[in-house]
Amino acid sequence: MRESRNGNLMAARRGACLGLIGLLVLWPHTAGATLGSDASSVAADRIRGQGALISATSVGPYRVEEMQMASGTTVREFTSSTGQVFGVAWQGPWMPDLQQLLGPYFDRYQAAAQDAQARRSRGPIVLETPDLVIHSSGHARAFTGSAFLPALMPAGVQAQSIH
C-alpha cells in the first residue's frame, strides 16, 4: 500500500512539474531583441522590458549587448556588423519572453517544446535545423538557453560563442 501511495505521489509531482514547465515556457516575461531583426530592436526592447544595459562589447565581427531584465534574467543579443540580430542567449531565474526573443521562429520552438512534453522528456529542448538552432533548459529559478541563425552568423563565429 505504501509503495502505491509513493508511486501516486511521484506521478502527481511529475505531472505538476511538467505543467509548471509548460506554463513557464508559454508565460512571457520581459526580454530583448528579436532574432533575425535589425539592431534597432535591441534598445527598444530593453526599455520595454525595464532592462538595464550591463555591457556592450565588440568581439571581432559582431557586437554583444548584455542586459539585466527586471525579472532578474540576463539576456545577451549578438548583432552582426550588418546590424542583424543573429543570436540571443538568456540565463536567470525566469524564462524571458521567448515569443519576443525568437520572433517568427517562436512557433518552431513551441512545437519542439510540446513534442518534448508529449514524450515526457524532462531534459533540455533542442531544435537543430540548417536555418535555426535553439537550446533551452532549466527548472524553476535556473533557466538558460540560446538561439541563433547559422545563415546570419558572421564568418568565423562559432556556435559556442552564443551563450
Protein backbone atom coordinates (compact mmCIF):
# COMPACT_ATOMS: atom_id res chain seq x y z
CA MET A 1 0.00 0.00 0.00
CA ARG A 2 2.81 2.40 0.91
CA GLU A 3 4.59 1.77 -2.44
CA SER A 4 1.36 2.54 -4.30
CA ARG A 5 0.93 5.80 -2.39
CA ASN A 6 4.57 6.80 -3.09
CA GLY A 7 4.11 5.96 -6.78
CA ASN A 8 0.97 8.10 -6.96
CA LEU A 9 2.73 10.95 -5.17
CA MET A 10 5.69 10.77 -7.56
CA ALA A 11 3.34 10.74 -10.59
CA ALA A 12 1.45 13.75 -9.23
CA ARG A 13 4.70 15.64 -8.63
CA ARG A 14 5.97 14.75 -12.11
CA GLY A 15 2.70 15.98 -13.65
CA ALA A 16 2.85 19.20 -11.65
CA CYS A 17 6.47 19.80 -12.75
CA LEU A 18 5.61 19.22 -16.40
CA GLY A 19 2.66 21.57 -16.10
CA LEU A 20 4.82 24.23 -14.48
CA ILE A 21 7.47 23.88 -17.17
CA GLY A 22 4.82 24.18 -19.86
CA LEU A 23 3.39 27.26 -18.20
CA LEU A 24 6.81 28.88 -17.83
CA VAL A 25 7.66 28.18 -21.46
CA LEU A 26 4.46 29.85 -22.60
CA TRP A 27 4.29 32.62 -19.98
CA PRO A 28 6.07 35.71 -21.26
CA HIS A 29 8.49 37.73 -19.20
CA THR A 30 10.39 40.75 -20.41
CA ALA A 31 13.15 40.17 -22.94
CA GLY A 32 15.32 41.69 -25.62
CA ALA A 33 15.78 41.91 -29.36
CA THR A 34 14.07 39.68 -31.86
CA LEU A 35 16.13 37.02 -33.58
CA GLY A 36 16.68 37.95 -37.22
CA SER A 37 15.59 41.58 -36.79
CA ASP A 38 17.75 44.67 -37.02
CA ALA A 39 19.77 46.12 -34.16
CA SER A 40 17.27 48.93 -33.51
CA SER A 41 15.03 46.44 -31.70
CA VAL A 42 17.67 45.92 -29.00
CA ALA A 43 17.31 49.34 -27.35
CA ALA A 44 13.54 49.49 -27.80
CA ASP A 45 13.02 46.12 -26.19
CA ARG A 46 15.39 46.91 -23.34
CA ILE A 47 13.19 49.90 -22.50
CA ARG A 48 10.02 47.83 -22.88
CA GLY A 49 11.44 45.13 -20.62
CA GLN A 50 12.64 47.61 -18.00
CA GLY A 51 16.12 46.22 -18.50
CA ALA A 52 19.43 47.78 -17.62
CA LEU A 53 22.37 47.58 -20.01
CA ILE A 54 25.20 45.74 -18.26
CA SER A 55 27.72 45.76 -21.09
CA ALA A 56 28.13 46.31 -24.81
CA THR A 57 31.21 44.75 -26.33
CA SER A 58 32.51 44.39 -29.86
CA VAL A 59 34.00 40.97 -30.44
CA GLY A 60 35.59 40.89 -33.88
CA PRO A 61 32.82 40.89 -36.48
CA TYR A 62 29.92 41.19 -34.02
CA ARG A 63 28.64 43.07 -31.01
CA VAL A 64 27.23 41.63 -27.78
CA GLU A 65 24.83 43.64 -25.65
CA GLU A 66 24.08 42.19 -22.26
CA MET A 67 21.19 43.43 -20.18
CA GLN A 68 19.69 42.58 -16.82
CA MET A 69 15.91 42.45 -17.06
CA ALA A 70 13.54 43.47 -14.26
CA SER A 71 12.82 39.76 -13.72
CA GLY A 72 16.49 39.14 -12.86
CA THR A 73 17.18 37.27 -16.09
CA THR A 74 20.22 38.26 -18.14
CA VAL A 75 19.71 38.46 -21.90
CA ARG A 76 22.54 38.74 -24.41
CA GLU A 77 21.99 39.78 -28.01
CA PHE A 78 24.51 39.15 -30.75
CA THR A 79 24.42 41.60 -33.63
CA SER A 80 26.47 41.34 -36.81
CA SER A 81 28.32 44.28 -38.36
CA THR A 82 25.46 44.48 -40.88
CA GLY A 83 23.10 45.25 -37.99
CA GLN A 84 21.13 42.00 -37.78
CA VAL A 85 20.50 40.08 -34.57
CA PHE A 86 21.88 36.62 -35.37
CA GLY A 87 21.82 35.19 -31.87
CA VAL A 88 20.26 35.56 -28.43
CA ALA A 89 21.04 33.90 -25.12
CA TRP A 90 19.48 34.01 -21.67
CA GLN A 91 20.19 32.92 -18.14
CA GLY A 92 18.31 33.56 -14.94
CA PRO A 93 15.51 32.76 -12.54
CA TRP A 94 12.75 33.28 -15.12
CA MET A 95 12.33 32.40 -18.76
CA PRO A 96 12.43 35.53 -20.90
CA ASP A 97 9.60 36.31 -23.31
CA LEU A 98 10.64 33.75 -25.91
CA GLN A 99 7.94 34.90 -28.27
CA GLN A 100 9.63 38.30 -28.31
CA LEU A 101 13.17 36.92 -28.45
CA LEU A 102 12.52 34.34 -31.14
CA GLY A 103 10.03 36.35 -33.18
CA PRO A 104 8.94 34.39 -36.25
CA TYR A 105 10.87 31.34 -35.00
CA PHE A 106 8.82 31.03 -31.79
CA ASP A 107 6.26 28.65 -33.30
CA ARG A 108 9.01 26.19 -34.18
CA TYR A 109 10.38 26.38 -30.64
CA GLN A 110 6.91 25.90 -29.18
CA ALA A 111 6.36 22.80 -31.35
CA ALA A 112 9.67 21.34 -30.12
CA ALA A 113 8.69 22.07 -26.50
CA GLN A 114 5.30 20.43 -26.95
CA ASP A 115 6.94 17.42 -28.60
CA ALA A 116 9.32 17.06 -25.64
CA GLN A 117 6.41 17.30 -23.21
CA ALA A 118 4.43 14.70 -25.19
CA ARG A 119 7.42 12.35 -24.92
CA ARG A 120 7.50 13.16 -21.20
CA SER A 121 11.06 14.30 -21.63
CA ARG A 122 12.41 16.26 -18.68
CA GLY A 123 15.62 17.18 -20.43
CA PRO A 124 16.54 20.24 -22.43
CA ILE A 125 14.65 21.36 -25.50
CA VAL A 126 16.90 21.11 -28.54
CA LEU A 127 15.96 22.19 -32.03
CA GLU A 128 18.74 22.00 -34.61
CA THR A 129 17.92 22.64 -38.25
CA PRO A 130 20.09 24.13 -41.01
CA ASP A 131 18.47 27.56 -40.56
CA LEU A 132 17.75 27.64 -36.81
CA VAL A 133 19.39 26.31 -33.65
CA ILE A 134 17.71 26.58 -30.23
CA HIS A 135 18.81 25.07 -26.92
CA SER A 136 16.75 25.72 -23.80
CA SER A 137 16.89 24.07 -20.41
CA GLY A 138 16.31 24.65 -16.76
CA HIS A 139 13.96 24.42 -13.87
CA ALA A 140 12.35 26.90 -11.52
CA ARG A 141 14.77 29.76 -10.80
CA ALA A 142 17.50 28.43 -13.10
CA PHE A 143 16.83 28.79 -16.82
CA THR A 144 19.37 29.00 -19.63
CA GLY A 145 19.17 28.95 -23.37
CA SER A 146 20.38 30.25 -26.67
CA ALA A 147 19.16 30.58 -30.23
CA PHE A 148 20.93 31.56 -33.41
CA LEU A 149 20.52 31.70 -37.16
CA PRO A 150 23.52 30.00 -38.81
CA ALA A 151 23.00 31.83 -42.12
CA LEU A 152 23.29 35.24 -40.40
CA MET A 153 26.34 34.42 -38.30
CA PRO A 154 29.44 36.39 -39.34
CA ALA A 155 32.23 34.38 -40.94
CA GLY A 156 34.46 32.76 -38.36
CA VAL A 157 31.95 32.93 -35.49
CA GLN A 158 31.44 29.58 -33.79
CA ALA A 159 28.16 28.31 -32.37
CA GLN A 160 29.83 28.06 -28.93
CA SER A 161 30.13 31.86 -28.93
CA ILE A 162 26.36 32.19 -28.48
CA HIS A 163 25.96 31.64 -24.73
